[in-house]
Amino acid sequence: MRNIEEIQLIVKENPAVMLYFSAPTCNVCHALKPKLLEAIGKNFEKFKIISIDISTSQEIAAYFSVFAIPTVLIFLDGREFLRKSRYMSVDEVIREIKRPYEIMMS
């Protein structure tokens, strides 16, 4: 299990990071996660992905102001770029990341 300091370091040291907040009791989280991970992996090879179970990491969720699940936070160059909660489509997330990611990596 990671702590806030480890996550901050990962965000700082990697150009593109996705934090995926979910819980074991969240059916939407379990349906969305494999599709989202596959799409991120296929489209953005330099992304670092961290899954956070809010049922065991409430302090991390609170630190990142996450109050609903699933929540996806995308960090580009150490700054929060995108925040999606509850209702999101994989295509929507990919579309919003694609251009800034390509510019950053070129």
PDB file of N, CA and C in Angstrom:
ATOM      1  N   MET A   1       0.831  -1.187   0.000  1.00  0.00           N
ATOM      2  CA  MET A   1       0.000   0.000   0.000  1.00  0.00           C
ATOM      3  C   MET A   1       0.875   1.251   0.000  1.00  0.00           C
ATOM      4  N   ARG A   2       0.491   2.207  -0.786  1.00  0.00           N
ATOM      5  CA  ARG A   2       1.263   3.439  -0.890  1.00  0.00           C
ATOM      6  C   ARG A   2       0.776   4.473   0.114  1.00  0.00           C
ATOM      7  N   ASN A   3       1.658   5.455   0.383  1.00  0.00           N
ATOM      8  CA  ASN A   3       1.241   6.567   1.224  1.00  0.00           C
ATOM      9  C   ASN A   3       1.273   7.862   0.401  1.00  0.00           C
ATOM     10  N   ILE A   4       0.838   8.957   1.008  1.00  0.00           N
ATOM     11  CA  ILE A   4       0.729  10.230   0.293  1.00  0.00           C
ATOM     12  C   ILE A   4       2.094  10.670  -0.248  1.00  0.00           C
ATOM     13  N   GLU A   5       3.145  10.514   0.558  1.00  0.00           N
ATOM     14  CA  GLU A   5       4.483  10.949   0.137  1.00  0.00           C
ATOM     15  C   GLU A   5       4.959  10.166  -1.094  1.00  0.00           C
ATOM     16  N   GLU A   6       4.727   8.863  -1.095  1.00  0.00           N
ATOM     17  CA  GLU A   6       5.113   8.039  -2.254  1.00  0.00           C
ATOM     18  C   GLU A   6       4.377   8.491  -3.513  1.00  0.00           C
ATOM     19  N   ILE A   7       3.087   8.744  -3.377  1.00  0.00           N
ATOM     20  CA  ILE A   7       2.280   9.168  -4.522  1.00  0.00           C
ATOM     21  C   ILE A   7       2.757  10.532  -5.026  1.00  0.00           C
ATOM     22  N   GLN A   8       3.020  11.465  -4.101  1.00  0.00           N
ATOM     23  CA  GLN A   8       3.533  12.783  -4.499  1.00  0.00           C
ATOM     24  C   GLN A   8       4.834  12.645  -5.285  1.00  0.00           C
ATOM     25  N   LEU A   9       5.717  11.755  -4.836  1.00  0.00           N
ATOM     26  CA  LEU A   9       6.998  11.531  -5.509  1.00  0.00           C
ATOM     27  C   LEU A   9       6.791  10.951  -6.911  1.00  0.00           C
ATOM     28  N   ILE A  10       5.887   9.991  -7.036  1.00  0.00           N
ATOM     29  CA  ILE A  10       5.589   9.389  -8.337  1.00  0.00           C
ATOM     30  C   ILE A  10       5.043  10.446  -9.291  1.00  0.00           C
ATOM     31  N   VAL A  11       4.121  11.292  -8.793  1.00  0.00           N
ATOM     32  CA  VAL A  11       3.536  12.357  -9.619  1.00  0.00           C
ATOM     33  C   VAL A  11       4.634  13.327 -10.066  1.00  0.00           C
ATOM     34  N   LYS A  12       5.549  13.634  -9.164  1.00  0.00           N
ATOM     35  CA  LYS A  12       6.625  14.594  -9.454  1.00  0.00           C
ATOM     36  C   LYS A  12       7.637  14.024 -10.462  1.00  0.00           C
ATOM     37  N   GLU A  13       7.937  12.726 -10.349  1.00  0.00           N
ATOM     38  CA  GLU A  13       9.015  12.123 -11.143  1.00  0.00           C
ATOM     39  C   GLU A  13       8.564  11.565 -12.490  1.00  0.00           C
ATOM     40  N   ASN A  14       7.266  11.424 -12.708  1.00  0.00           N
ATOM     41  CA  ASN A  14       6.769  10.851 -13.962  1.00  0.00           C
ATOM     42  C   ASN A  14       6.001  11.910 -14.745  1.00  0.00           C
ATOM     43  N   PRO A  15       6.186  11.941 -16.069  1.00  0.00           N
ATOM     44  CA  PRO A  15       5.515  12.972 -16.865  1.00  0.00           C
ATOM     45  C   PRO A  15       3.998  12.819 -16.910  1.00  0.00           C
ATOM     46  N   ALA A  16       3.499  11.586 -16.787  1.00  0.00           N
ATOM     47  CA  ALA A  16       2.060  11.347 -16.891  1.00  0.00           C
ATOM     48  C   ALA A  16       1.661  10.282 -15.863  1.00  0.00           C
ATOM     49  N   VAL A  17       0.731  10.654 -14.988  1.00  0.00           N
ATOM     50  CA  VAL A  17       0.298   9.743 -13.916  1.00  0.00           C
ATOM     51  C   VAL A  17      -1.221   9.761 -13.831  1.00  0.00           C
ATOM     52  N   MET A  18      -1.794   8.571 -13.664  1.00  0.00           N
ATOM     53  CA  MET A  18      -3.224   8.460 -13.423  1.00  0.00           C
ATOM     54  C   MET A  18      -3.436   7.824 -12.051  1.00  0.00           C
ATOM     55  N   LEU A  19      -4.232   8.494 -11.207  1.00  0.00           N
ATOM     56  CA  LEU A  19      -4.660   7.911  -9.942  1.00  0.00           C
ATOM     57  C   LEU A  19      -6.095   7.441 -10.139  1.00  0.00           C
ATOM     58  N   TYR A  20      -6.337   6.170  -9.856  1.00  0.00           N
ATOM     59  CA  TYR A  20      -7.677   5.598 -10.011  1.00  0.00           C
ATOM     60  C   TYR A  20      -8.200   5.241  -8.626  1.00  0.00           C
ATOM     61  N   PHE A  21      -9.202   5.988  -8.156  1.00  0.00           N
ATOM     62  CA  PHE A  21      -9.784   5.772  -6.837  1.00  0.00           C
ATOM     63  C   PHE A  21     -11.028   4.907  -6.969  1.00  0.00           C
ATOM     64  N   SER A  22     -11.071   3.829  -6.175  1.00  0.00           N
ATOM     65  CA  SER A  22     -12.226   2.939  -6.209  1.00  0.00           C
ATOM     66  C   SER A  22     -12.368   2.257  -4.854  1.00  0.00           C
ATOM     67  N   ALA A  23     -13.315   1.335  -4.767  1.00  0.00           N
ATOM     68  CA  ALA A  23     -13.523   0.545  -3.549  1.00  0.00           C
ATOM     69  C   ALA A  23     -14.057  -0.819  -3.953  1.00  0.00           C
ATOM     70  N   PRO A  24     -13.815  -1.825  -3.129  1.00  0.00           N
ATOM     71  CA  PRO A  24     -14.266  -3.181  -3.454  1.00  0.00           C
ATOM     72  C   PRO A  24     -15.778  -3.288  -3.652  1.00  0.00           C
ATOM     73  N   THR A  25     -16.551  -2.430  -3.019  1.00  0.00           N
ATOM     74  CA  THR A  25     -18.009  -2.493  -3.104  1.00  0.00           C
ATOM     75  C   THR A  25     -18.584  -1.750  -4.311  1.00  0.00           C
ATOM     76  N   CYS A  26     -17.735  -1.136  -5.111  1.00  0.00           N
ATOM     77  CA  CYS A  26     -18.185  -0.298  -6.235  1.00  0.00           C
ATOM     78  C   CYS A  26     -18.205  -1.103  -7.539  1.00  0.00           C
ATOM     79  N   ASN A  27     -19.404  -1.462  -7.992  1.00  0.00           N
ATOM     80  CA  ASN A  27     -19.514  -2.243  -9.236  1.00  0.00           C
ATOM     81  C   ASN A  27     -19.090  -1.454 -10.459  1.00  0.00           C
ATOM     82  N   VAL A  28     -19.416  -0.168 -10.502  1.00  0.00           N
ATOM     83  CA  VAL A  28     -19.015   0.682 -11.637  1.00  0.00           C
ATOM     84  C   VAL A  28     -17.494   0.720 -11.728  1.00  0.00           C
ATOM     85  N   CYS A  29     -16.837   0.842 -10.576  1.00  0.00           N
ATOM     86  CA  CYS A  29     -15.369   0.881 -10.531  1.00  0.00           C
ATOM     87  C   CYS A  29     -14.769  -0.372 -11.183  1.00  0.00           C
ATOM     88  N   HIS A  30     -15.340  -1.524 -10.845  1.00  0.00           N
ATOM     89  CA  HIS A  30     -14.800  -2.789 -11.356  1.00  0.00           C
ATOM     90  C   HIS A  30     -15.074  -2.974 -12.843  1.00  0.00           C
ATOM     91  N   ALA A  31     -16.158  -2.418 -13.333  1.00  0.00           N
ATOM     92  CA  ALA A  31     -16.469  -2.512 -14.760  1.00  0.00           C
ATOM     93  C   ALA A  31     -15.598  -1.555 -15.570  1.00  0.00           C
ATOM     94  N   LEU A  32     -15.356  -0.372 -15.026  1.00  0.00           N
ATOM     95  CA  LEU A  32     -14.614   0.663 -15.734  1.00  0.00           C
ATOM     96  C   LEU A  32     -13.107   0.430 -15.751  1.00  0.00           C
ATOM     97  N   LYS A  33     -12.563  -0.025 -14.634  1.00  0.00           N
ATOM     98  CA  LYS A  33     -11.115  -0.106 -14.467  1.00  0.00           C
ATOM     99  C   LYS A  33     -10.387  -0.878 -15.561  1.00  0.00           C
ATOM    100  N   PRO A  34     -10.760  -2.124 -15.888  1.00  0.00           N
ATOM    101  CA  PRO A  34      -9.992  -2.850 -16.911  1.00  0.00           C
ATOM    102  C   PRO A  34     -10.046  -2.157 -18.275  1.00  0.00           C
ATOM    103  N   LYS A  35     -11.183  -1.590 -18.608  1.00  0.00           N
ATOM    104  CA  LYS A  35     -11.314  -0.902 -19.903  1.00  0.00           C
ATOM    105  C   LYS A  35     -10.442   0.346 -19.943  1.00  0.00           C
ATOM    106  N   LEU A  36     -10.447   1.088 -18.849  1.00  0.00           N
ATOM    107  CA  LEU A  36      -9.657   2.314 -18.778  1.00  0.00           C
ATOM    108  C   LEU A  36      -8.160   1.999 -18.789  1.00  0.00           C
ATOM    109  N   LEU A  37      -7.743   1.002 -18.022  1.00  0.00           N
ATOM    110  CA  LEU A  37      -6.325   0.626 -17.983  1.00  0.00           C
ATOM    111  C   LEU A  37      -5.842   0.162 -19.347  1.00  0.00           C
ATOM    112  N   GLU A  38      -6.663  -0.613 -20.026  1.00  0.00           N
ATOM    113  CA  GLU A  38      -6.299  -1.092 -21.364  1.00  0.00           C
ATOM    114  C   GLU A  38      -6.155   0.083 -22.340  1.00  0.00           C
ATOM    115  N   ALA A  39      -7.110   1.007 -22.306  1.00  0.00           N
ATOM    116  CA  ALA A  39      -7.082   2.155 -23.218  1.00  0.00           C
ATOM    117  C   ALA A  39      -5.894   3.070 -22.935  1.00  0.00           C
ATOM    118  N   ILE A  40      -5.600   3.303 -21.670  1.00  0.00           N
ATOM    119  CA  ILE A  40      -4.446   4.143 -21.304  1.00  0.00           C
ATOM    120  C   ILE A  40      -3.159   3.458 -21.770  1.00  0.00           C
ATOM    121  N   GLY A  41      -3.040   2.165 -21.488  1.00  0.00           N
ATOM    122  CA  GLY A  41      -1.845   1.415 -21.886  1.00  0.00           C
ATOM    123  C   GLY A  41      -1.626   1.397 -23.389  1.00  0.00           C
ATOM    124  N   LYS A  42      -2.708   1.300 -24.138  1.00  0.00           N
ATOM    125  CA  LYS A  42      -2.639   1.232 -25.600  1.00  0.00           C
ATOM    126  C   LYS A  42      -2.301   2.598 -26.216  1.00  0.00           C
ATOM    127  N   ASN A  43      -2.827   3.663 -25.654  1.00  0.00           N
ATOM    128  CA  ASN A  43      -2.678   4.993 -26.235  1.00  0.00           C
ATOM    129  C   ASN A  43      -1.526   5.823 -25.673  1.00  0.00           C
ATOM    130  N   PHE A  44      -1.149   5.550 -24.432  1.00  0.00           N
ATOM    131  CA  PHE A  44      -0.162   6.401 -23.758  1.00  0.00           C
ATOM    132  C   PHE A  44       0.852   5.533 -23.026  1.00  0.00           C
ATOM    133  N   GLU A  45       1.944   5.178 -23.699  1.00  0.00           N
ATOM    134  CA  GLU A  45       2.875   4.209 -23.118  1.00  0.00           C
ATOM    135  C   GLU A  45       3.632   4.726 -21.899  1.00  0.00           C
ATOM    136  N   LYS A  46       3.759   6.023 -21.736  1.00  0.00           N
ATOM    137  CA  LYS A  46       4.547   6.554 -20.618  1.00  0.00           C
ATOM    138  C   LYS A  46       3.714   6.821 -19.354  1.00  0.00           C
ATOM    139  N   PHE A  47       2.438   6.442 -19.360  1.00  0.00           N
ATOM    140  CA  PHE A  47       1.594   6.692 -18.195  1.00  0.00           C
ATOM    141  C   PHE A  47       1.938   5.750 -17.059  1.00  0.00           C
ATOM    142  N   LYS A  48       2.030   6.292 -15.867  1.00  0.00           N
ATOM    143  CA  LYS A  48       2.169   5.509 -14.642  1.00  0.00           C
ATOM    144  C   LYS A  48       0.778   5.485 -14.010  1.00  0.00           C
ATOM    145  N   ILE A  49       0.280   4.312 -13.669  1.00  0.00           N
ATOM    146  CA  ILE A  49      -1.077   4.178 -13.143  1.00  0.00           C
ATOM    147  C   ILE A  49      -1.025   3.651 -11.707  1.00  0.00           C
ATOM    148  N   ILE A  50      -1.723   4.350 -10.836  1.00  0.00           N
ATOM    149  CA  ILE A  50      -1.788   3.945  -9.431  1.00  0.00           C
ATOM    150  C   ILE A  50      -3.256   3.757  -9.058  1.00  0.00           C
ATOM    151  N   SER A  51      -3.584   2.580  -8.547  1.00  0.00           N
ATOM    152  CA  SER A  51      -4.941   2.306  -8.077  1.00  0.00           C
ATOM    153  C   SER A  51      -4.983   2.510  -6.573  1.00  0.00           C
ATOM    154  N   ILE A  52      -6.005   3.214  -6.113  1.00  0.00           N
ATOM    155  CA  ILE A  52      -6.133   3.501  -4.694  1.00  0.00           C
ATOM    156  C   ILE A  52      -7.507   3.022  -4.217  1.00  0.00           C
ATOM    157  N   ASP A  53      -7.486   2.133  -3.237  1.00  0.00           N
ATOM    158  CA  ASP A  53      -8.720   1.608  -2.633  1.00  0.00           C
ATOM    159  C   ASP A  53      -9.097   2.542  -1.487  1.00  0.00           C
ATOM    160  N   ILE A  54     -10.163   3.312  -1.664  1.00  0.00           N
ATOM    161  CA  ILE A  54     -10.498   4.296  -0.633  1.00  0.00           C
ATOM    162  C   ILE A  54     -11.003   3.651   0.656  1.00  0.00           C
ATOM    163  N   SER A  55     -11.374   2.377   0.609  1.00  0.00           N
ATOM    164  CA  SER A  55     -11.832   1.726   1.846  1.00  0.00           C
ATOM    165  C   SER A  55     -10.659   1.479   2.803  1.00  0.00           C
ATOM    166  N   THR A  56      -9.442   1.436   2.276  1.00  0.00           N
ATOM    167  CA  THR A  56      -8.265   1.251   3.129  1.00  0.00           C
ATOM    168  C   THR A  56      -7.349   2.467   3.125  1.00  0.00           C
ATOM    169  N   SER A  57      -7.640   3.451   2.290  1.00  0.00           N
ATOM    170  CA  SER A  57      -6.775   4.634   2.166  1.00  0.00           C
ATOM    171  C   SER A  57      -7.592   5.924   2.195  1.00  0.00           C
ATOM    172  N   GLN A  58      -8.400   6.087   3.228  1.00  0.00           N
ATOM    173  CA  GLN A  58      -9.237   7.288   3.310  1.00  0.00           C
ATOM    174  C   GLN A  58      -8.410   8.563   3.347  1.00  0.00           C
ATOM    175  N   GLU A  59      -7.233   8.514   4.004  1.00  0.00           N
ATOM    176  CA  GLU A  59      -6.428   9.725   4.121  1.00  0.00           C
ATOM    177  C   GLU A  59      -5.882  10.159   2.761  1.00  0.00           C
ATOM    178  N   ILE A  60      -5.594   9.218   1.881  1.00  0.00           N
ATOM    179  CA  ILE A  60      -5.124   9.569   0.533  1.00  0.00           C
ATOM    180  C   ILE A  60      -6.274  10.187  -0.256  1.00  0.00           C
ATOM    181  N   ALA A  61      -7.454   9.596  -0.164  1.00  0.00           N
ATOM    182  CA  ALA A  61      -8.628  10.150  -0.848  1.00  0.00           C
ATOM    183  C   ALA A  61      -8.907  11.567  -0.351  1.00  0.00           C
ATOM    184  N   ALA A  62      -8.838  11.773   0.947  1.00  0.00           N
ATOM    185  CA  ALA A  62      -9.087  13.099   1.513  1.00  0.00           C
ATOM    186  C   ALA A  62      -8.026  14.094   1.040  1.00  0.00           C
ATOM    187  N   TYR A  63      -6.774  13.664   1.014  1.00  0.00           N
ATOM    188  CA  TYR A  63      -5.678  14.543   0.570  1.00  0.00           C
ATOM    189  C   TYR A  63      -5.920  15.051  -0.851  1.00  0.00           C
ATOM    190  N   PHE A  64      -6.412  14.165  -1.720  1.00  0.00           N
ATOM    191  CA  PHE A  64      -6.668  14.535  -3.112  1.00  0.00           C
ATOM    192  C   PHE A  64      -8.110  15.026  -3.332  1.00  0.00           C
ATOM    193  N   SER A  65      -8.838  15.269  -2.244  1.00  0.00           N
ATOM    194  CA  SER A  65     -10.229  15.761  -2.297  1.00  0.00           C
ATOM    195  C   SER A  65     -11.123  14.873  -3.155  1.00  0.00           C
ATOM    196  N   VAL A  66     -11.016  13.573  -2.953  1.00  0.00           N
ATOM    197  CA  VAL A  66     -11.846  12.611  -3.675  1.00  0.00           C
ATOM    198  C   VAL A  66     -12.966  12.160  -2.740  1.00  0.00           C
ATOM    199  N   PHE A  67     -14.210  12.461  -3.146  1.00  0.00           N
ATOM    200  CA  PHE A  67     -15.359  12.155  -2.297  1.00  0.00           C
ATOM    201  C   PHE A  67     -16.376  11.248  -2.985  1.00  0.00           C
ATOM    202  N   ALA A  68     -16.109  10.852  -4.225  1.00  0.00           N
ATOM    203  CA  ALA A  68     -17.007   9.958  -4.964  1.00  0.00           C
ATOM    204  C   ALA A  68     -16.143   8.953  -5.709  1.00  0.00           C
ATOM    205  N   ILE A  69     -16.714   7.780  -5.972  1.00  0.00           N
ATOM    206  CA  ILE A  69     -15.966   6.787  -6.743  1.00  0.00           C
ATOM    207  C   ILE A  69     -16.830   6.269  -7.883  1.00  0.00           C
ATOM    208  N   PRO A  70     -16.248   5.830  -8.965  1.00  0.00           N
ATOM    209  CA  PRO A  70     -14.817   5.947  -9.240  1.00  0.00           C
ATOM    210  C   PRO A  70     -14.418   7.396  -9.526  1.00  0.00           C
ATOM    211  N   THR A  71     -13.181   7.727  -9.187  1.00  0.00           N
ATOM    212  CA  THR A  71     -12.609   9.022  -9.552  1.00  0.00           C
ATOM    213  C   THR A  71     -11.264   8.764 -10.208  1.00  0.00           C
ATOM    214  N   VAL A  72     -11.035   9.486 -11.296  1.00  0.00           N
ATOM    215  CA  VAL A  72      -9.766   9.414 -12.023  1.00  0.00           C
ATOM    216  C   VAL A  72      -9.129  10.792 -11.956  1.00  0.00           C
ATOM    217  N   LEU A  73      -7.878  10.837 -11.507  1.00  0.00           N
ATOM    218  CA  LEU A  73      -7.101  12.078 -11.548  1.00  0.00           C
ATOM    219  C   LEU A  73      -5.938  11.859 -12.505  1.00  0.00           C
ATOM    220  N   ILE A  74      -5.788  12.771 -13.439  1.00  0.00           N
ATOM    221  CA  ILE A  74      -4.689  12.710 -14.393  1.00  0.00           C
ATOM    222  C   ILE A  74      -3.734  13.857 -14.089  1.00  0.00           C
ATOM    223  N   PHE A  75      -2.464  13.512 -13.913  1.00  0.00           N
ATOM    224  CA  PHE A  75      -1.425  14.513 -13.699  1.00  0.00           C
ATOM    225  C   PHE A  75      -0.493  14.513 -14.898  1.00  0.00           C
ATOM    226  N   LEU A  76      -0.254  15.685 -15.458  1.00  0.00           N
ATOM    227  CA  LEU A  76       0.723  15.854 -16.537  1.00  0.00           C
ATOM    228  C   LEU A  76       1.761  16.852 -16.046  1.00  0.00           C
ATOM    229  N   ASP A  77       3.028  16.472 -16.149  1.00  0.00           N
ATOM    230  CA  ASP A  77       4.128  17.322 -15.665  1.00  0.00           C
ATOM    231  C   ASP A  77       3.937  17.748 -14.216  1.00  0.00           C
ATOM    232  N   GLY A  78       3.451  16.841 -13.380  1.00  0.00           N
ATOM    233  CA  GLY A  78       3.341  17.108 -11.958  1.00  0.00           C
ATOM    234  C   GLY A  78       2.132  17.925 -11.530  1.00  0.00           C
ATOM    235  N   ARG A  79       1.294  18.332 -12.485  1.00  0.00           N
ATOM    236  CA  ARG A  79       0.119  19.143 -12.144  1.00  0.00           C
ATOM    237  C   ARG A  79      -1.156  18.396 -12.509  1.00  0.00           C
ATOM    238  N   GLU A  80      -2.175  18.584 -11.682  1.00  0.00           N
ATOM    239  CA  GLU A  80      -3.451  17.956 -11.986  1.00  0.00           C
ATOM    240  C   GLU A  80      -4.011  18.565 -13.263  1.00  0.00           C
ATOM    241  N   PHE A  81      -4.286  17.706 -14.226  1.00  0.00           N
ATOM    242  CA  PHE A  81      -4.776  18.153 -15.529  1.00  0.00           C
ATOM    243  C   PHE A  81      -6.257  17.824 -15.716  1.00  0.00           C
ATOM    244  N   LEU A  82      -6.675  16.674 -15.204  1.00  0.00           N
ATOM    245  CA  LEU A  82      -8.039  16.215 -15.442  1.00  0.00           C
ATOM    246  C   LEU A  82      -8.552  15.489 -14.209  1.00  0.00           C
ATOM    247  N   ARG A  83      -9.821  15.732 -13.896  1.00  0.00           N
ATOM    248  CA  ARG A  83     -10.483  15.059 -12.772  1.00  0.00           C
ATOM    249  C   ARG A  83     -11.853  14.621 -13.264  1.00  0.00           C
ATOM    250  N   LYS A  84     -12.111  13.331 -13.199  1.00  0.00           N
ATOM    251  CA  LYS A  84     -13.407  12.775 -13.604  1.00  0.00           C
ATOM    252  C   LYS A  84     -13.918  11.918 -12.462  1.00  0.00           C
ATOM    253  N   SER A  85     -15.197  12.106 -12.124  1.00  0.00           N
ATOM    254  CA  SER A  85     -15.806  11.306 -11.061  1.00  0.00           C
ATOM    255  C   SER A  85     -17.119  10.714 -11.538  1.00  0.00           C
ATOM    256  N   ARG A  86     -17.433   9.570 -10.957  1.00  0.00           N
ATOM    257  CA  ARG A  86     -18.697   8.877 -11.182  1.00  0.00           C
ATOM    258  C   ARG A  86     -18.942   8.494 -12.627  1.00  0.00           C
ATOM    259  N   TYR A  87     -19.575   9.400 -13.370  1.00  0.00           N
ATOM    260  CA  TYR A  87     -20.012   9.040 -14.718  1.00  0.00           C
ATOM    261  C   TYR A  87     -19.001   9.532 -15.739  1.00  0.00           C
ATOM    262  N   MET A  88     -18.291   8.607 -16.349  1.00  0.00           N
ATOM    263  CA  MET A  88     -17.298   8.961 -17.366  1.00  0.00           C
ATOM    264  C   MET A  88     -17.214   7.821 -18.350  1.00  0.00           C
ATOM    265  N   SER A  89     -16.843   8.156 -19.575  1.00  0.00           N
ATOM    266  CA  SER A  89     -16.609   7.091 -20.543  1.00  0.00           C
ATOM    267  C   SER A  89     -15.107   7.007 -20.795  1.00  0.00           C
ATOM    268  N   VAL A  90     -14.656   5.831 -21.149  1.00  0.00           N
ATOM    269  CA  VAL A  90     -13.248   5.633 -21.454  1.00  0.00           C
ATOM    270  C   VAL A  90     -12.846   6.545 -22.610  1.00  0.00           C
ATOM    271  N   ASP A  91     -13.679   6.611 -23.655  1.00  0.00           N
ATOM    272  CA  ASP A  91     -13.373   7.449 -24.820  1.00  0.00           C
ATOM    273  C   ASP A  91     -13.215   8.912 -24.440  1.00  0.00           C
ATOM    274  N   GLU A  92     -14.070   9.371 -23.557  1.00  0.00           N
ATOM    275  CA  GLU A  92     -14.032  10.760 -23.102  1.00  0.00           C
ATOM    276  C   GLU A  92     -12.695  11.062 -22.402  1.00  0.00           C
ATOM    277  N   VAL A  93     -12.268  10.171 -21.522  1.00  0.00           N
ATOM    278  CA  VAL A  93     -11.003  10.354 -20.801  1.00  0.00           C
ATOM    279  C   VAL A  93      -9.839  10.361 -21.793  1.00  0.00           C
ATOM    280  N   ILE A  94      -9.806   9.392 -22.708  1.00  0.00           N
ATOM    281  CA  ILE A  94      -8.726   9.296 -23.701  1.00  0.00           C
ATOM    282  C   ILE A  94      -8.692  10.556 -24.565  1.00  0.00           C
ATOM    283  N   ARG A  95      -9.847  10.987 -25.022  1.00  0.00           N
ATOM    284  CA  ARG A  95      -9.939  12.170 -25.886  1.00  0.00           C
ATOM    285  C   ARG A  95      -9.376  13.418 -25.197  1.00  0.00           C
ATOM    286  N   GLU A  96      -9.686  13.579 -23.921  1.00  0.00           N
ATOM    287  CA  GLU A  96      -9.236  14.770 -23.199  1.00  0.00           C
ATOM    288  C   GLU A  96      -7.738  14.760 -22.906  1.00  0.00           C
ATOM    289  N   ILE A  97      -7.144  13.589 -22.818  1.00  0.00           N
ATOM    290  CA  ILE A  97      -5.708  13.481 -22.518  1.00  0.00           C
ATOM    291  C   ILE A  97      -4.856  13.551 -23.790  1.00  0.00           C
ATOM    292  N   LYS A  98      -5.375  13.015 -24.885  1.00  0.00           N
ATOM    293  CA  LYS A  98      -4.581  12.740 -26.087  1.00  0.00           C
ATOM    294  C   LYS A  98      -3.715  13.907 -26.568  1.00  0.00           C
ATOM    295  N   ARG A  99      -4.314  15.048 -26.858  1.00  0.00           N
ATOM    296  CA  ARG A  99      -3.556  16.157 -27.421  1.00  0.00           C
ATOM    297  C   ARG A  99      -2.468  16.692 -26.467  1.00  0.00           C
ATOM    298  N   PRO A 100      -2.815  17.025 -25.218  1.00  0.00           N
ATOM    299  CA  PRO A 100      -1.755  17.516 -24.322  1.00  0.00           C
ATOM    300  C   PRO A 100      -0.645  16.497 -24.103  1.00  0.00           C
ATOM    301  N   TYR A 101      -1.023  15.225 -24.036  1.00  0.00           N
ATOM    302  CA  TYR A 101      -0.010  14.163 -23.845  1.00  0.00           C
ATOM    303  C   TYR A 101       0.934  14.124 -25.043  1.00  0.00           C
ATOM    304  N   GLU A 102       0.368  14.136 -26.255  1.00  0.00           N
ATOM    305  CA  GLU A 102       1.204  14.075 -27.468  1.00  0.00           C
ATOM    306  C   GLU A 102       2.127  15.296 -27.562  1.00  0.00           C
ATOM    307  N   ILE A 103       1.611  16.473 -27.241  1.00  0.00           N
ATOM    308  CA  ILE A 103       2.440  17.684 -27.265  1.00  0.00           C
ATOM    309  C   ILE A 103       3.573  17.560 -26.253  1.00  0.00           C
ATOM    310  N   MET A 104       3.240  17.085 -25.060  1.00  0.00           N
ATOM    311  CA  MET A 104       4.224  16.956 -23.981  1.00  0.00           C
ATOM    312  C   MET A 104       5.316  15.944 -24.334  1.00  0.00           C
ATOM    313  N   MET A 105       4.951  14.860 -25.009  1.00  0.00           N
ATOM    314  CA  MET A 105       5.891  13.789 -25.295  1.00  0.00           C
ATOM    315  C   MET A 105       6.661  13.972 -26.601  1.00  0.00           C
ATOM    316  N   SER A 106       6.290  14.981 -27.386  1.00  0.00           N
ATOM    317  CA  SER A 106       6.971  15.140 -28.685  1.00  0.00           C
ATOM    318  C   SER A 106       8.253  15.943 -28.551  1.00  0.00           C
TER     319      SER A 106
END
